[in-house]
């Protein structure tokens, strides 16, 4: 049987470094006579592992604490794999209610709108700054600016989507346009 174990080795200059040792027993005439092994410096692998852990920690911090709703969905199925607290607050759903379901099943968007997003993603490889309307829990309509990029999660294709709610901005914009129209009509009346 081959055995592998990680150790800290000490080099000529007294510097320690991580190694993995693979060893196996040596037999002579049916009697174990010793071990044969190889020692491999795994310093670079350890640095990469540390870098990945740090990257994962940064991503998780951004994901969990973002003020914007963020979702990670399987691709192409569209099932929610993870959502952040901002998503739950904005949608009114719990994590248990969304996990494993797609936006169409939840009634957040129609099958037609989902198909349009899927087509856009397939053609462009990403979605950036797309204004769409979502229906959240209790049939409330929400205007958002939607962006989505492809990623790989556990060796499977997925997408990370972020939405910035602009419902209030849309209402303000509509009010401003109506007031401008009223001002224009009043100006034309005064000019006449």
Protein backbone atom coordinates (compact mmCIF):
# COMPACT_ATOMS: atom_id res chain seq x y z
CA UNK A 1 0.00 0.00 0.00
CA UNK A 2 1.21 3.49 -0.92
CA UNK A 3 0.99 6.13 1.80
CA UNK A 4 1.06 9.89 1.31
CA UNK A 5 1.38 12.42 4.09
CA UNK A 6 2.04 16.17 4.27
CA UNK A 7 4.90 17.49 6.41
CA UNK A 8 6.96 20.59 6.94
CA UNK A 9 10.51 20.04 5.72
CA UNK A 10 13.56 22.16 6.53
CA UNK A 11 15.88 23.13 3.68
CA UNK A 12 19.65 23.76 3.70
CA UNK A 13 19.20 27.40 4.68
CA UNK A 14 16.98 26.44 7.62
CA UNK A 15 13.83 27.58 5.81
CA UNK A 16 10.77 25.36 6.29
CA UNK A 17 8.50 24.47 3.38
CA UNK A 18 5.50 22.15 2.90
CA UNK A 19 6.08 18.75 1.30
CA UNK A 20 4.12 15.64 0.59
CA UNK A 21 5.84 12.31 1.00
CA UNK A 22 4.66 9.26 -0.90
CA UNK A 23 6.05 6.04 0.50
CA UNK A 24 5.59 2.32 0.24
CA UNK A 25 7.17 -0.59 2.08
CA UNK A 26 10.03 -2.54 0.51
CA UNK A 27 9.94 -6.30 0.97
CA UNK A 28 12.80 -8.73 0.50
CA UNK A 29 12.09 -12.43 0.74
CA UNK A 30 8.61 -11.69 2.13
CA UNK A 31 9.99 -9.61 5.00
CA UNK A 32 9.58 -5.84 5.17
CA UNK A 33 13.04 -4.43 4.77
CA UNK A 34 12.31 -0.69 4.77
CA UNK A 35 10.49 2.06 2.92
CA UNK A 36 10.91 3.66 -0.48
CA UNK A 37 9.54 7.15 -0.97
CA UNK A 38 9.55 10.42 -2.81
CA UNK A 39 9.33 13.90 -1.34
CA UNK A 40 7.59 16.66 -3.36
CA UNK A 41 7.76 20.37 -2.54
CA UNK A 42 4.15 21.64 -2.53
CA UNK A 43 4.88 25.30 -1.69
CA UNK A 44 3.29 26.60 -4.91
CA UNK A 45 0.19 24.45 -4.44
CA UNK A 46 -0.18 25.74 -0.89
CA UNK A 47 0.14 29.35 -2.11
CA UNK A 48 -2.56 28.71 -4.73
CA UNK A 49 -4.83 27.08 -2.16
CA UNK A 50 -4.38 30.05 0.15
CA UNK A 51 -5.12 32.44 -2.74
CA UNK A 52 -8.29 30.51 -3.59
CA UNK A 53 -9.45 30.59 0.03
CA UNK A 54 -8.86 34.35 0.17
CA UNK A 55 -10.69 34.85 -3.14
CA UNK A 56 -13.61 32.73 -1.91
CA UNK A 57 -13.72 34.75 1.33
CA UNK A 58 -13.81 38.06 -0.60
CA UNK A 59 -16.52 36.79 -2.96
CA UNK A 60 -18.63 35.50 -0.07
CA UNK A 61 -18.31 38.85 1.75
CA UNK A 62 -19.40 40.80 -1.35
CA UNK A 63 -22.22 38.31 -2.07
CA UNK A 64 -23.60 38.26 1.45
CA UNK A 65 -23.28 41.98 2.22
CA UNK A 66 -24.18 43.54 -1.13
CA UNK A 67 -27.09 45.98 -0.91
CA UNK A 68 -28.16 44.69 -4.34
CA UNK A 69 -30.06 41.45 -4.88
CA UNK A 70 -27.69 38.75 -6.18
CA UNK A 71 -28.64 35.25 -7.30
CA UNK A 72 -26.64 32.29 -8.53
CA UNK A 73 -28.67 30.09 -10.87
CA UNK A 74 -27.90 26.80 -12.60
CA UNK A 75 -27.51 27.10 -16.37
CA UNK A 76 -29.49 26.40 -18.49
CA UNK A 77 -32.16 25.18 -16.01
CA UNK A 78 -32.26 28.54 -14.20
CA UNK A 79 -32.78 27.02 -10.76
CA UNK A 80 -31.73 29.21 -7.85
CA UNK A 81 -28.64 27.73 -6.18
CA UNK A 82 -27.93 30.64 -3.83
CA UNK A 83 -29.42 34.07 -3.16
CA UNK A 84 -28.22 36.81 -0.87
CA UNK A 85 -30.08 38.61 1.91
CA UNK A 86 -30.81 41.63 -0.34
CA UNK A 87 -32.53 39.27 -2.81
CA UNK A 88 -34.66 37.80 -0.03
CA UNK A 89 -35.56 41.26 1.31
CA UNK A 90 -36.47 42.60 -2.15
CA UNK A 91 -38.45 39.53 -3.23
CA UNK A 92 -40.20 38.70 0.03
CA UNK A 93 -39.28 35.02 -0.34
CA UNK A 94 -37.28 32.83 2.02
CA UNK A 95 -34.20 30.93 0.87
CA UNK A 96 -36.14 27.66 1.22
CA UNK A 97 -38.90 28.96 -1.07
CA UNK A 98 -36.51 29.85 -3.91
CA UNK A 99 -33.72 27.27 -3.72
CA UNK A 100 -34.13 24.65 -6.44
CA UNK A 101 -36.83 26.61 -8.28
CA UNK A 102 -36.49 28.89 -11.28
CA UNK A 103 -37.95 32.41 -11.70
CA UNK A 104 -40.79 31.13 -13.90
CA UNK A 105 -41.90 28.58 -11.27
CA UNK A 106 -41.95 31.36 -8.67
CA UNK A 107 -43.93 33.66 -10.96
CA UNK A 108 -41.15 36.25 -11.00
CA UNK A 109 -41.18 36.33 -14.79
CA UNK A 110 -43.09 34.79 -17.65
CA UNK A 111 -41.81 31.88 -19.69
CA UNK A 112 -41.53 34.26 -22.67
CA UNK A 113 -39.41 36.78 -20.70
CA UNK A 114 -37.27 33.94 -19.35
CA UNK A 115 -36.77 32.67 -22.90
CA UNK A 116 -35.72 36.15 -24.02
CA UNK A 117 -33.15 36.36 -21.22
CA UNK A 118 -31.89 32.85 -22.01
CA UNK A 119 -31.54 33.73 -25.72
CA UNK A 120 -29.77 36.99 -24.94
CA UNK A 121 -27.38 35.19 -22.60
CA UNK A 122 -26.69 32.47 -25.18
CA UNK A 123 -26.02 35.00 -27.97
CA UNK A 124 -24.05 37.66 -26.10
CA UNK A 125 -22.51 35.50 -23.37
CA UNK A 126 -23.71 37.96 -20.72
CA UNK A 127 -26.43 40.47 -19.95
CA UNK A 128 -25.54 44.01 -18.94
CA UNK A 129 -27.87 46.74 -17.72
CA UNK A 130 -31.12 45.31 -19.11
CA UNK A 131 -34.28 46.98 -17.77
CA UNK A 132 -36.88 44.34 -16.89
CA UNK A 133 -39.95 44.01 -14.70
CA UNK A 134 -40.10 41.22 -12.13
CA UNK A 135 -43.06 40.08 -10.07
CA UNK A 136 -42.06 39.34 -6.49
CA UNK A 137 -44.03 37.70 -3.70
CA UNK A 138 -47.62 38.90 -3.31
CA UNK A 139 -47.67 39.88 -7.03
CA UNK A 140 -45.81 43.14 -6.48
CA UNK A 141 -44.23 44.43 -9.73
CA UNK A 142 -40.64 45.67 -9.46
CA UNK A 143 -38.61 47.47 -12.12
CA UNK A 144 -34.92 46.49 -12.13
CA UNK A 145 -31.76 46.93 -14.12
CA UNK A 146 -30.56 43.36 -14.61
CA UNK A 147 -27.05 42.05 -15.31
CA UNK A 148 -25.86 38.46 -15.53
CA UNK A 149 -22.54 36.72 -16.21
CA UNK A 150 -21.64 33.06 -16.70
CA UNK A 151 -19.59 31.25 -14.04
CA UNK A 152 -18.72 27.69 -13.09
CA UNK A 153 -19.88 26.39 -9.71
CA UNK A 154 -18.79 22.89 -8.66
CA UNK A 155 -17.72 22.17 -12.26
CA UNK A 156 -21.21 23.00 -13.56
CA UNK A 157 -22.29 26.00 -15.64
CA UNK A 158 -24.16 28.68 -13.73
CA UNK A 159 -24.89 32.40 -13.89
CA UNK A 160 -24.53 35.14 -11.32
CA UNK A 161 -27.19 37.81 -11.66
CA UNK A 162 -27.49 41.15 -9.95
CA UNK A 163 -30.46 43.49 -10.02
CA UNK A 164 -30.67 47.13 -9.06
CA UNK A 165 -34.23 48.17 -8.27
CA UNK A 166 -35.28 51.29 -10.15
CA UNK A 167 -39.04 51.24 -9.45
CA UNK A 168 -38.93 54.59 -7.62
CA UNK A 169 -36.69 56.13 -10.27
CA UNK A 170 -39.10 55.00 -13.01
CA UNK A 171 -42.00 56.58 -11.11
CA UNK A 172 -40.07 59.83 -10.67
CA UNK A 173 -39.14 59.79 -14.36
CA UNK A 174 -42.80 59.29 -15.32
CA UNK A 175 -43.88 62.12 -12.97
CA UNK A 176 -41.23 64.45 -14.46
CA UNK A 177 -42.36 63.63 -18.00
CA UNK A 178 -46.00 64.31 -17.05
CA UNK A 179 -45.07 67.61 -15.40
CA UNK A 180 -43.00 68.61 -18.44
CA UNK A 181 -45.99 67.80 -20.67
CA UNK A 182 -48.25 69.88 -18.41
CA UNK A 183 -45.75 72.76 -18.48
CA UNK A 184 -45.49 72.54 -22.26
CA UNK A 185 -49.30 72.61 -22.58
CA UNK A 186 -49.52 75.58 -20.16
CA UNK A 187 -46.76 77.41 -22.10
CA UNK A 188 -48.57 76.81 -25.40
CA UNK A 189 -51.82 78.07 -23.84
CA UNK A 190 -50.08 81.21 -22.56
CA UNK A 191 -48.40 81.77 -25.92
CA UNK A 192 -51.75 81.57 -27.69
